Amino acid sequence: MISAYFLPLWQIILEAPQYPEGLGMKIWLDDITGNVDQINGLNHYIGMKHIIVDEFIEFKILPYVFAIIILIGLLTALRGSLTWLWVWFSFLVIFAIIGLTDFYLWEYDYGHNLDPMAAIKVPGMNYQPPLIGYRQLLNFVAGSFPDLAGVIVGIAGLTAGGVLLYEQRLKRKSTKLRYFNTQADICNPA
């Protein structure tokens, strides 16, 4: 989880014949890097708002949210408690749902709320990149995927989910074994 402070969480890639090397943006906990100025220049022609990091409240609060997730994770590891693992995992799942929903709404806003005075207008066209995957947008192919820190955070979440499932299964087996041992004691008194 700490990797999110040093590596990008998400990436958006734009590919087109006039940009054979592609254009891309890397989304970090508190910043967006890459070809942001070039993308803003292109987006201006189709009426999209400029992407300005300071206008995103998310970049101000995400470092703190991740710090809370990390602290709960450390507390969970120190206590070795299955209950705390459920708390941490639940917090991570809720954060992922809220984060992906917020990102989708951000993409929707940028892709649909276009300036009516834009130089290029295509009736019925929106320019929302996909949440995950690829989408054709005029002569561009837009791709949106987790980047390295996003993959690491996803693996951490899947690992925690796997541990919880494994522990639940062990608990059920232990309960069944106790039940059968108790039944055997009842049926075969000494």
N, C-alpha and C. Protein backbone atom coordinates (compact mmCIF):
# COMPACT_ATOMS: atom_id res chain seq x y z
N MET A 1 0.82 -1.19 0.00
CA MET A 1 0.00 0.00 0.00
C MET A 1 0.87 1.26 0.00
N ILE A 2 2.02 1.18 0.63
CA ILE A 2 2.92 2.34 0.69
C ILE A 2 3.41 2.72 -0.71
N SER A 3 3.42 1.75 -1.62
CA SER A 3 3.88 2.02 -2.99
C SER A 3 3.09 3.13 -3.66
N ALA A 4 1.86 3.36 -3.23
CA ALA A 4 1.03 4.40 -3.84
C ALA A 4 1.60 5.80 -3.63
N TYR A 5 2.48 5.96 -2.66
CA TYR A 5 3.12 7.26 -2.45
C TYR A 5 4.29 7.50 -3.41
N PHE A 6 4.74 6.43 -4.06
CA PHE A 6 5.94 6.55 -4.89
C PHE A 6 5.72 6.14 -6.34
N LEU A 7 4.59 5.51 -6.62
CA LEU A 7 4.31 5.02 -7.96
C LEU A 7 2.92 5.48 -8.41
N PRO A 8 2.71 5.58 -9.73
CA PRO A 8 1.38 6.00 -10.20
C PRO A 8 0.32 4.92 -9.97
N LEU A 9 -0.91 5.38 -9.66
CA LEU A 9 -2.03 4.48 -9.42
C LEU A 9 -2.75 4.08 -10.71
N TRP A 10 -2.88 5.02 -11.63
CA TRP A 10 -3.70 4.79 -12.81
C TRP A 10 -3.04 5.44 -14.02
N GLN A 11 -3.40 4.96 -15.20
CA GLN A 11 -2.89 5.58 -16.43
C GLN A 11 -3.98 5.66 -17.48
N ILE A 12 -3.94 6.74 -18.23
CA ILE A 12 -4.82 6.90 -19.38
C ILE A 12 -3.90 7.12 -20.58
N ILE A 13 -4.14 6.33 -21.62
CA ILE A 13 -3.30 6.36 -22.81
C ILE A 13 -4.16 6.75 -24.01
N LEU A 14 -3.65 7.62 -24.86
CA LEU A 14 -4.32 7.99 -26.10
C LEU A 14 -3.40 7.65 -27.27
N GLU A 15 -3.93 6.90 -28.21
CA GLU A 15 -3.15 6.53 -29.39
C GLU A 15 -3.89 6.99 -30.63
N ALA A 16 -3.13 7.57 -31.59
CA ALA A 16 -3.70 8.04 -32.85
C ALA A 16 -2.60 8.06 -33.89
N PRO A 17 -2.97 8.01 -35.18
CA PRO A 17 -1.95 8.02 -36.24
C PRO A 17 -1.00 9.22 -36.15
N GLN A 18 -1.53 10.39 -35.79
CA GLN A 18 -0.67 11.58 -35.72
C GLN A 18 0.22 11.61 -34.47
N TYR A 19 -0.01 10.67 -33.54
CA TYR A 19 0.82 10.54 -32.34
C TYR A 19 1.27 9.09 -32.22
N PRO A 20 2.19 8.65 -33.08
CA PRO A 20 2.60 7.24 -33.07
C PRO A 20 3.20 6.79 -31.75
N GLU A 21 3.81 7.72 -31.00
CA GLU A 21 4.36 7.36 -29.69
C GLU A 21 3.28 7.36 -28.62
N GLY A 22 2.11 7.89 -28.94
CA GLY A 22 1.00 7.95 -28.00
C GLY A 22 1.13 9.10 -27.02
N LEU A 23 0.03 9.43 -26.40
CA LEU A 23 0.00 10.43 -25.34
C LEU A 23 -0.52 9.74 -24.09
N GLY A 24 -0.02 10.15 -22.96
CA GLY A 24 -0.48 9.48 -21.74
C GLY A 24 -0.48 10.37 -20.53
N MET A 25 -1.28 9.96 -19.57
CA MET A 25 -1.33 10.63 -18.27
C MET A 25 -1.19 9.56 -17.20
N LYS A 26 -0.42 9.88 -16.19
CA LYS A 26 -0.26 9.01 -15.03
C LYS A 26 -0.95 9.72 -13.86
N ILE A 27 -1.83 8.99 -13.18
CA ILE A 27 -2.55 9.56 -12.05
C ILE A 27 -1.93 9.01 -10.77
N TRP A 28 -1.46 9.93 -9.95
CA TRP A 28 -0.81 9.60 -8.69
C TRP A 28 -1.75 9.93 -7.55
N LEU A 29 -1.33 9.70 -6.32
CA LEU A 29 -2.16 10.06 -5.16
C LEU A 29 -2.47 11.54 -5.12
N ASP A 30 -1.53 12.37 -5.58
CA ASP A 30 -1.71 13.81 -5.44
C ASP A 30 -1.35 14.60 -6.69
N ASP A 31 -1.31 13.95 -7.83
CA ASP A 31 -0.86 14.65 -9.04
C ASP A 31 -1.27 13.89 -10.30
N ILE A 32 -1.19 14.57 -11.42
CA ILE A 32 -1.33 13.96 -12.74
C ILE A 32 -0.11 14.39 -13.53
N THR A 33 0.61 13.42 -14.09
CA THR A 33 1.80 13.73 -14.88
C THR A 33 1.64 13.16 -16.28
N GLY A 34 2.59 13.47 -17.13
CA GLY A 34 2.57 12.96 -18.50
C GLY A 34 2.30 14.09 -19.47
N ASN A 35 1.59 13.77 -20.55
CA ASN A 35 1.32 14.72 -21.62
C ASN A 35 0.06 15.55 -21.35
N VAL A 36 -0.08 16.03 -20.13
CA VAL A 36 -1.30 16.74 -19.73
C VAL A 36 -1.51 18.00 -20.58
N ASP A 37 -0.46 18.77 -20.83
CA ASP A 37 -0.61 20.00 -21.61
C ASP A 37 -1.03 19.70 -23.05
N GLN A 38 -0.43 18.69 -23.67
CA GLN A 38 -0.81 18.31 -25.03
C GLN A 38 -2.25 17.82 -25.07
N ILE A 39 -2.63 17.02 -24.10
CA ILE A 39 -4.00 16.49 -24.05
C ILE A 39 -4.99 17.64 -23.82
N ASN A 40 -4.64 18.58 -22.94
CA ASN A 40 -5.50 19.75 -22.75
C ASN A 40 -5.65 20.54 -24.05
N GLY A 41 -4.56 20.67 -24.80
CA GLY A 41 -4.61 21.38 -26.08
C GLY A 41 -5.55 20.71 -27.07
N LEU A 42 -5.48 19.38 -27.15
CA LEU A 42 -6.36 18.64 -28.05
C LEU A 42 -7.82 18.69 -27.56
N ASN A 43 -7.99 18.55 -26.26
CA ASN A 43 -9.33 18.55 -25.69
C ASN A 43 -10.04 19.88 -25.90
N HIS A 44 -9.27 20.95 -25.99
CA HIS A 44 -9.84 22.28 -26.22
C HIS A 44 -10.66 22.31 -27.52
N TYR A 45 -10.18 21.63 -28.55
CA TYR A 45 -10.87 21.63 -29.85
C TYR A 45 -12.23 20.95 -29.81
N ILE A 46 -12.38 19.98 -28.91
CA ILE A 46 -13.66 19.27 -28.83
C ILE A 46 -14.52 19.79 -27.67
N GLY A 47 -14.02 20.80 -26.96
CA GLY A 47 -14.81 21.46 -25.93
C GLY A 47 -14.70 20.87 -24.54
N MET A 48 -13.70 20.02 -24.31
CA MET A 48 -13.51 19.47 -22.96
C MET A 48 -12.83 20.51 -22.06
N LYS A 49 -13.15 20.44 -20.77
CA LYS A 49 -12.49 21.30 -19.80
C LYS A 49 -11.01 20.92 -19.71
N HIS A 50 -10.21 21.88 -19.30
CA HIS A 50 -8.80 21.59 -19.05
C HIS A 50 -8.66 20.75 -17.78
N ILE A 51 -7.71 19.86 -17.81
CA ILE A 51 -7.39 19.04 -16.64
C ILE A 51 -6.39 19.84 -15.81
N ILE A 52 -6.86 20.30 -14.64
CA ILE A 52 -6.04 21.12 -13.75
C ILE A 52 -6.02 20.44 -12.38
N VAL A 53 -4.85 20.00 -11.99
CA VAL A 53 -4.68 19.22 -10.75
C VAL A 53 -5.25 19.94 -9.54
N ASP A 54 -5.02 21.24 -9.43
CA ASP A 54 -5.47 21.99 -8.25
C ASP A 54 -6.99 22.02 -8.11
N GLU A 55 -7.72 21.70 -9.15
CA GLU A 55 -9.18 21.72 -9.09
C GLU A 55 -9.77 20.40 -8.55
N PHE A 56 -8.93 19.42 -8.30
CA PHE A 56 -9.39 18.13 -7.80
C PHE A 56 -9.18 18.04 -6.30
N ILE A 57 -10.27 18.01 -5.55
CA ILE A 57 -10.20 17.86 -4.10
C ILE A 57 -9.61 16.48 -3.74
N GLU A 58 -9.83 15.52 -4.62
CA GLU A 58 -9.34 14.15 -4.38
C GLU A 58 -7.84 14.12 -4.12
N PHE A 59 -7.09 14.94 -4.84
CA PHE A 59 -5.63 14.92 -4.68
C PHE A 59 -5.19 15.50 -3.33
N LYS A 60 -6.07 16.25 -2.71
CA LYS A 60 -5.76 16.81 -1.39
C LYS A 60 -6.05 15.80 -0.29
N ILE A 61 -7.06 14.93 -0.49
CA ILE A 61 -7.45 14.01 0.58
C ILE A 61 -6.91 12.59 0.40
N LEU A 62 -6.59 12.18 -0.83
CA LEU A 62 -6.13 10.81 -1.06
C LEU A 62 -4.90 10.41 -0.25
N PRO A 63 -3.90 11.26 -0.11
CA PRO A 63 -2.74 10.85 0.70
C PRO A 63 -3.15 10.51 2.14
N TYR A 64 -4.12 11.22 2.68
CA TYR A 64 -4.57 10.96 4.05
C TYR A 64 -5.41 9.68 4.13
N VAL A 65 -6.24 9.45 3.12
CA VAL A 65 -7.04 8.23 3.09
C VAL A 65 -6.12 7.01 3.03
N PHE A 66 -5.11 7.08 2.18
CA PHE A 66 -4.17 5.97 2.09
C PHE A 66 -3.40 5.79 3.40
N ALA A 67 -3.07 6.88 4.07
CA ALA A 67 -2.38 6.78 5.36
C ALA A 67 -3.26 6.04 6.37
N ILE A 68 -4.55 6.33 6.37
CA ILE A 68 -5.48 5.63 7.28
C ILE A 68 -5.54 4.14 6.94
N ILE A 69 -5.63 3.84 5.64
CA ILE A 69 -5.66 2.44 5.21
C ILE A 69 -4.39 1.71 5.65
N ILE A 70 -3.25 2.35 5.48
CA ILE A 70 -1.97 1.76 5.87
C ILE A 70 -1.91 1.56 7.38
N LEU A 71 -2.34 2.55 8.15
CA LEU A 71 -2.32 2.43 9.62
C LEU A 71 -3.24 1.30 10.09
N ILE A 72 -4.42 1.18 9.51
CA ILE A 72 -5.31 0.08 9.87
C ILE A 72 -4.66 -1.25 9.49
N GLY A 73 -3.99 -1.28 8.35
CA GLY A 73 -3.29 -2.50 7.93
C GLY A 73 -2.17 -2.87 8.88
N LEU A 74 -1.40 -1.89 9.33
CA LEU A 74 -0.32 -2.16 10.30
C LEU A 74 -0.90 -2.63 11.64
N LEU A 75 -1.97 -1.98 12.07
CA LEU A 75 -2.62 -2.40 13.32
C LEU A 75 -3.13 -3.83 13.19
N THR A 76 -3.68 -4.15 12.05
CA THR A 76 -4.17 -5.51 11.78
C THR A 76 -3.03 -6.51 11.86
N ALA A 77 -1.90 -6.19 11.23
CA ALA A 77 -0.74 -7.09 11.25
C ALA A 77 -0.19 -7.27 12.66
N LEU A 78 -0.13 -6.18 13.43
CA LEU A 78 0.39 -6.27 14.80
C LEU A 78 -0.52 -7.09 15.70
N ARG A 79 -1.81 -6.94 15.52
CA ARG A 79 -2.76 -7.66 16.37
C ARG A 79 -2.97 -9.10 15.91
N GLY A 80 -2.76 -9.35 14.63
CA GLY A 80 -2.99 -10.69 14.10
C GLY A 80 -4.44 -11.12 14.25
N SER A 81 -5.33 -10.15 14.14
CA SER A 81 -6.74 -10.39 14.39
C SER A 81 -7.52 -10.52 13.09
N LEU A 82 -8.32 -11.56 13.02
CA LEU A 82 -9.18 -11.76 11.85
C LEU A 82 -10.25 -10.66 11.79
N THR A 83 -10.72 -10.22 12.93
CA THR A 83 -11.72 -9.13 12.96
C THR A 83 -11.14 -7.86 12.36
N TRP A 84 -9.90 -7.54 12.77
CA TRP A 84 -9.26 -6.35 12.21
C TRP A 84 -8.99 -6.51 10.72
N LEU A 85 -8.70 -7.72 10.27
CA LEU A 85 -8.50 -7.95 8.83
C LEU A 85 -9.80 -7.69 8.08
N TRP A 86 -10.93 -8.10 8.67
CA TRP A 86 -12.23 -7.80 8.06
C TRP A 86 -12.46 -6.28 7.98
N VAL A 87 -12.09 -5.57 9.04
CA VAL A 87 -12.23 -4.11 9.05
C VAL A 87 -11.38 -3.50 7.94
N TRP A 88 -10.11 -3.91 7.87
CA TRP A 88 -9.20 -3.37 6.86
C TRP A 88 -9.70 -3.69 5.45
N PHE A 89 -10.09 -4.94 5.23
CA PHE A 89 -10.56 -5.37 3.91
C PHE A 89 -11.83 -4.62 3.54
N SER A 90 -12.75 -4.47 4.48
CA SER A 90 -14.00 -3.73 4.21
C SER A 90 -13.70 -2.29 3.86
N PHE A 91 -12.80 -1.67 4.62
CA PHE A 91 -12.41 -0.29 4.34
C PHE A 91 -11.81 -0.18 2.94
N LEU A 92 -10.96 -1.13 2.57
CA LEU A 92 -10.33 -1.12 1.24
C LEU A 92 -11.37 -1.29 0.13
N VAL A 93 -12.32 -2.19 0.32
CA VAL A 93 -13.36 -2.41 -0.70
C VAL A 93 -14.24 -1.17 -0.85
N ILE A 94 -14.63 -0.58 0.28
CA ILE A 94 -15.44 0.64 0.23
C ILE A 94 -14.67 1.76 -0.46
N PHE A 95 -13.40 1.90 -0.11
CA PHE A 95 -12.56 2.92 -0.76
C PHE A 95 -12.47 2.67 -2.27
N ALA A 96 -12.28 1.42 -2.67
CA ALA A 96 -12.19 1.09 -4.10
C ALA A 96 -13.49 1.44 -4.84
N ILE A 97 -14.62 1.12 -4.23
CA ILE A 97 -15.92 1.43 -4.86
C ILE A 97 -16.10 2.94 -4.98
N ILE A 98 -15.83 3.66 -3.91
CA ILE A 98 -15.98 5.12 -3.94
C ILE A 98 -14.98 5.72 -4.93
N GLY A 99 -13.74 5.24 -4.91
CA GLY A 99 -12.71 5.78 -5.81
C GLY A 99 -13.03 5.55 -7.27
N LEU A 100 -13.45 4.33 -7.62
CA LEU A 100 -13.78 4.05 -9.02
C LEU A 100 -15.03 4.79 -9.46
N THR A 101 -16.00 4.94 -8.55
CA THR A 101 -17.20 5.71 -8.88
C THR A 101 -16.84 7.17 -9.12
N ASP A 102 -16.01 7.72 -8.25
CA ASP A 102 -15.58 9.11 -8.41
C ASP A 102 -14.82 9.30 -9.72
N PHE A 103 -13.95 8.36 -10.05
CA PHE A 103 -13.18 8.44 -11.29
C PHE A 103 -14.11 8.35 -12.50
N TYR A 104 -15.08 7.46 -12.45
CA TYR A 104 -16.06 7.34 -13.55
C TYR A 104 -16.81 8.66 -13.72
N LEU A 105 -17.26 9.24 -12.61
CA LEU A 105 -18.00 10.51 -12.69
C LEU A 105 -17.13 11.63 -13.23
N TRP A 106 -15.85 11.63 -12.85
CA TRP A 106 -14.90 12.61 -13.38
C TRP A 106 -14.78 12.45 -14.89
N GLU A 107 -14.59 11.20 -15.34
CA GLU A 107 -14.49 10.94 -16.78
C GLU A 107 -15.78 11.33 -17.50
N TYR A 108 -16.91 11.01 -16.88
CA TYR A 108 -18.20 11.34 -17.48
C TYR A 108 -18.33 12.85 -17.65
N ASP A 109 -18.03 13.59 -16.60
CA ASP A 109 -18.12 15.04 -16.66
C ASP A 109 -17.24 15.61 -17.76
N TYR A 110 -16.00 15.16 -17.82
CA TYR A 110 -15.08 15.68 -18.82
C TYR A 110 -15.48 15.27 -20.24
N GLY A 111 -16.06 14.10 -20.38
CA GLY A 111 -16.40 13.61 -21.71
C GLY A 111 -17.76 14.04 -22.24
N HIS A 112 -18.66 14.45 -21.35
CA HIS A 112 -20.02 14.81 -21.77
C HIS A 112 -20.34 16.30 -21.68
N ASN A 113 -19.80 16.98 -20.70
CA ASN A 113 -20.10 18.40 -20.51
C ASN A 113 -19.13 19.24 -21.34
N LEU A 114 -19.46 19.34 -22.61
CA LEU A 114 -18.57 19.99 -23.58
C LEU A 114 -19.00 21.44 -23.83
N ASP A 115 -18.03 22.25 -24.16
CA ASP A 115 -18.29 23.65 -24.51
C ASP A 115 -19.04 23.68 -25.84
N PRO A 116 -20.24 24.29 -25.87
CA PRO A 116 -21.01 24.33 -27.12
C PRO A 116 -20.34 25.18 -28.20
N MET A 117 -19.34 25.97 -27.82
CA MET A 117 -18.63 26.81 -28.79
C MET A 117 -17.35 26.14 -29.32
N ALA A 118 -17.19 24.85 -29.05
CA ALA A 118 -15.98 24.13 -29.46
C ALA A 118 -15.83 24.14 -30.98
N ALA A 119 -14.59 24.09 -31.43
CA ALA A 119 -14.29 24.10 -32.87
C ALA A 119 -14.78 22.84 -33.56
N ILE A 120 -14.68 21.70 -32.88
CA ILE A 120 -15.09 20.42 -33.48
C ILE A 120 -16.30 19.91 -32.71
N LYS A 121 -17.40 19.73 -33.45
CA LYS A 121 -18.62 19.19 -32.85
C LYS A 121 -19.08 18.01 -33.67
N VAL A 122 -19.29 16.89 -33.02
CA VAL A 122 -19.82 15.70 -33.67
C VAL A 122 -21.13 15.37 -32.95
N PRO A 123 -22.27 15.55 -33.63
CA PRO A 123 -23.56 15.32 -32.96
C PRO A 123 -23.64 13.91 -32.36
N GLY A 124 -24.08 13.87 -31.10
CA GLY A 124 -24.25 12.60 -30.41
C GLY A 124 -22.97 11.99 -29.88
N MET A 125 -21.84 12.62 -30.12
CA MET A 125 -20.54 12.08 -29.70
C MET A 125 -20.19 12.57 -28.29
N ASN A 126 -19.71 11.66 -27.46
CA ASN A 126 -19.12 12.06 -26.19
C ASN A 126 -17.69 11.53 -26.18
N TYR A 127 -16.88 12.10 -25.32
CA TYR A 127 -15.45 11.78 -25.32
C TYR A 127 -15.00 11.19 -24.00
N GLN A 128 -15.90 10.46 -23.37
CA GLN A 128 -15.57 9.84 -22.09
C GLN A 128 -14.66 8.64 -22.32
N PRO A 129 -13.47 8.64 -21.71
CA PRO A 129 -12.62 7.45 -21.81
C PRO A 129 -13.26 6.31 -21.02
N PRO A 130 -12.89 5.09 -21.30
CA PRO A 130 -13.45 3.97 -20.53
C PRO A 130 -12.92 3.98 -19.11
N LEU A 131 -13.68 3.40 -18.20
CA LEU A 131 -13.20 3.27 -16.82
C LEU A 131 -12.00 2.33 -16.80
N ILE A 132 -12.18 1.17 -17.44
CA ILE A 132 -11.09 0.20 -17.61
C ILE A 132 -11.22 -0.37 -19.01
N GLY A 133 -10.13 -0.39 -19.75
CA GLY A 133 -10.15 -0.94 -21.09
C GLY A 133 -9.89 0.12 -22.15
N TYR A 134 -10.32 -0.18 -23.37
CA TYR A 134 -10.10 0.71 -24.51
C TYR A 134 -11.42 1.18 -25.08
N ARG A 135 -11.40 2.36 -25.70
CA ARG A 135 -12.57 2.88 -26.40
C ARG A 135 -12.10 3.79 -27.53
N GLN A 136 -12.76 3.66 -28.68
CA GLN A 136 -12.46 4.51 -29.83
C GLN A 136 -13.15 5.85 -29.66
N LEU A 137 -12.38 6.93 -29.74
CA LEU A 137 -12.89 8.30 -29.64
C LEU A 137 -12.40 9.07 -30.86
N LEU A 138 -13.25 9.16 -31.88
CA LEU A 138 -12.88 9.71 -33.18
C LEU A 138 -11.66 8.95 -33.69
N ASN A 139 -10.55 9.65 -33.98
CA ASN A 139 -9.39 8.91 -34.50
C ASN A 139 -8.43 8.48 -33.38
N PHE A 140 -8.82 8.65 -32.13
CA PHE A 140 -8.01 8.22 -31.00
C PHE A 140 -8.56 6.94 -30.40
N VAL A 141 -7.66 6.12 -29.92
CA VAL A 141 -8.05 4.99 -29.09
C VAL A 141 -7.61 5.35 -27.69
N ALA A 142 -8.58 5.42 -26.77
CA ALA A 142 -8.29 5.78 -25.39
C ALA A 142 -8.26 4.51 -24.55
N GLY A 143 -7.23 4.37 -23.74
CA GLY A 143 -7.09 3.24 -22.83
C GLY A 143 -6.98 3.73 -21.40
N SER A 144 -7.57 3.01 -20.48
CA SER A 144 -7.55 3.38 -19.08
C SER A 144 -7.34 2.11 -18.25
N PHE A 145 -6.25 2.11 -17.46
CA PHE A 145 -5.87 0.91 -16.71
C PHE A 145 -5.19 1.28 -15.39
N PRO A 146 -5.22 0.35 -14.43
CA PRO A 146 -4.41 0.57 -13.23
C PRO A 146 -2.93 0.61 -13.63
N ASP A 147 -2.19 1.48 -12.97
CA ASP A 147 -0.75 1.51 -13.16
C ASP A 147 -0.11 0.69 -12.04
N LEU A 148 1.20 0.77 -11.89
CA LEU A 148 1.92 -0.13 -11.00
C LEU A 148 1.39 -0.11 -9.56
N ALA A 149 1.22 1.08 -8.96
CA ALA A 149 0.72 1.13 -7.59
C ALA A 149 -0.72 0.62 -7.52
N GLY A 150 -1.53 0.90 -8.54
CA GLY A 150 -2.89 0.38 -8.57
C GLY A 150 -2.92 -1.14 -8.60
N VAL A 151 -2.00 -1.73 -9.35
CA VAL A 151 -1.89 -3.20 -9.41
C VAL A 151 -1.46 -3.74 -8.04
N ILE A 152 -0.48 -3.09 -7.42
CA ILE A 152 0.01 -3.55 -6.11
C ILE A 152 -1.11 -3.46 -5.06
N VAL A 153 -1.85 -2.35 -5.06
CA VAL A 153 -2.96 -2.19 -4.12
C VAL A 153 -4.02 -3.25 -4.40
N GLY A 154 -4.30 -3.51 -5.67
CA GLY A 154 -5.26 -4.56 -6.03
C GLY A 154 -4.82 -5.93 -5.55
N ILE A 155 -3.53 -6.24 -5.71
CA ILE A 155 -3.00 -7.52 -5.23
C ILE A 155 -3.11 -7.61 -3.71
N ALA A 156 -2.85 -6.51 -3.02
CA ALA A 156 -2.98 -6.50 -1.55
C ALA A 156 -4.43 -6.80 -1.16
N GLY A 157 -5.37 -6.19 -1.85
CA GLY A 157 -6.78 -6.43 -1.55
C GLY A 157 -7.18 -7.87 -1.84
N LEU A 158 -6.74 -8.40 -2.98
CA LEU A 158 -7.06 -9.79 -3.32
C LEU A 158 -6.41 -10.76 -2.34
N THR A 159 -5.20 -10.46 -1.91
CA THR A 159 -4.52 -11.31 -0.93
C THR A 159 -5.30 -11.33 0.39
N ALA A 160 -5.71 -10.14 0.84
CA ALA A 160 -6.50 -10.07 2.09
C ALA A 160 -7.81 -10.83 1.94
N GLY A 161 -8.47 -10.67 0.79
CA GLY A 161 -9.71 -11.42 0.54
C GLY A 161 -9.47 -12.92 0.54
N GLY A 162 -8.37 -13.34 -0.05
CA GLY A 162 -8.01 -14.77 -0.05
C GLY A 162 -7.75 -15.30 1.35
N VAL A 163 -7.05 -14.52 2.17
CA VAL A 163 -6.79 -14.93 3.55
C VAL A 163 -8.10 -15.05 4.31
N LEU A 164 -8.99 -14.09 4.12
CA LEU A 164 -10.29 -14.14 4.81
C LEU A 164 -11.09 -15.37 4.41
N LEU A 165 -11.12 -15.67 3.11
CA LEU A 165 -11.84 -16.87 2.65
C LEU A 165 -11.20 -18.14 3.23
N TYR A 166 -9.89 -18.19 3.21
CA TYR A 166 -9.17 -19.35 3.75
C TYR A 166 -9.46 -19.52 5.24
N GLU A 167 -9.39 -18.43 5.98
CA GLU A 167 -9.65 -18.49 7.43
C GLU A 167 -11.09 -18.90 7.72
N GLN A 168 -12.04 -18.40 6.95
CA GLN A 168 -13.44 -18.77 7.12
C GLN A 168 -13.61 -20.28 6.89
N ARG A 169 -12.95 -20.78 5.87
CA ARG A 169 -13.03 -22.21 5.56
C ARG A 169 -12.43 -23.05 6.69
N LEU A 170 -11.28 -22.61 7.22
CA LEU A 170 -10.66 -23.31 8.36
C LEU A 170 -11.58 -23.28 9.57
N LYS A 171 -12.23 -22.14 9.80
CA LYS A 171 -13.13 -22.00 10.94
C LYS A 171 -14.32 -22.96 10.80
N ARG A 172 -14.87 -23.07 9.58
CA ARG A 172 -15.99 -23.99 9.35
C ARG A 172 -15.56 -25.44 9.57
N LYS A 173 -14.37 -25.79 9.08
CA LYS A 173 -13.86 -27.16 9.28
C LYS A 173 -13.66 -27.44 10.75
N SER A 174 -13.12 -26.49 11.48
CA SER A 174 -12.88 -26.65 12.91
C SER A 174 -14.20 -26.82 13.66
N THR A 175 -15.21 -26.03 13.28
CA THR A 175 -16.52 -26.13 13.91
C THR A 175 -17.14 -27.49 13.63
N LYS A 176 -17.06 -27.97 12.39
CA LYS A 176 -17.60 -29.29 12.03
C LYS A 176 -16.88 -30.38 12.81
N LEU A 177 -15.56 -30.28 12.90
CA LEU A 177 -14.78 -31.28 13.60
C LEU A 177 -15.17 -31.33 15.08
N ARG A 178 -15.34 -30.16 15.70
CA ARG A 178 -15.78 -30.10 17.10
C ARG A 178 -17.16 -30.72 17.25
N TYR A 179 -18.06 -30.45 16.31
CA TYR A 179 -19.42 -30.98 16.35
C TYR A 179 -19.38 -32.51 16.28
N PHE A 180 -18.61 -33.04 15.33
CA PHE A 180 -18.54 -34.50 15.18
C PHE A 180 -17.87 -35.15 16.39
N ASN A 181 -16.84 -34.50 16.96
CA ASN A 181 -16.21 -35.04 18.16
C ASN A 181 -17.18 -35.04 19.34
N THR A 182 -17.99 -33.98 19.46
CA THR A 182 -19.00 -33.91 20.53
C THR A 182 -20.04 -34.99 20.34
N GLN A 183 -20.49 -35.21 19.11
CA GLN A 183 -21.48 -36.26 18.82
C GLN A 183 -20.92 -37.63 19.15
N ALA A 184 -19.66 -37.82 18.84
CA ALA A 184 -19.03 -39.11 19.12
C ALA A 184 -18.96 -39.34 20.64
N ASP A 185 -18.65 -38.28 21.40
CA ASP A 185 -18.61 -38.40 22.86
C ASP A 185 -19.98 -38.72 23.43
N ILE A 186 -21.03 -38.14 22.84
CA ILE A 186 -22.40 -38.39 23.31
C ILE A 186 -22.81 -39.82 23.01
N CYS A 187 -22.48 -40.30 21.83
CA CYS A 187 -22.87 -41.64 21.40
C CYS A 187 -22.03 -42.73 22.07
N ASN A 188 -20.81 -42.42 22.45
CA ASN A 188 -19.92 -43.42 23.05
C ASN A 188 -19.45 -42.94 24.43
N PRO A 189 -20.37 -42.92 25.41
CA PRO A 189 -19.92 -42.46 26.73
C PRO A 189 -18.89 -43.46 27.30
N ALA A 190 -18.01 -42.97 28.09
CA ALA A 190 -16.92 -43.78 28.61
C ALA A 190 -17.34 -44.78 29.62
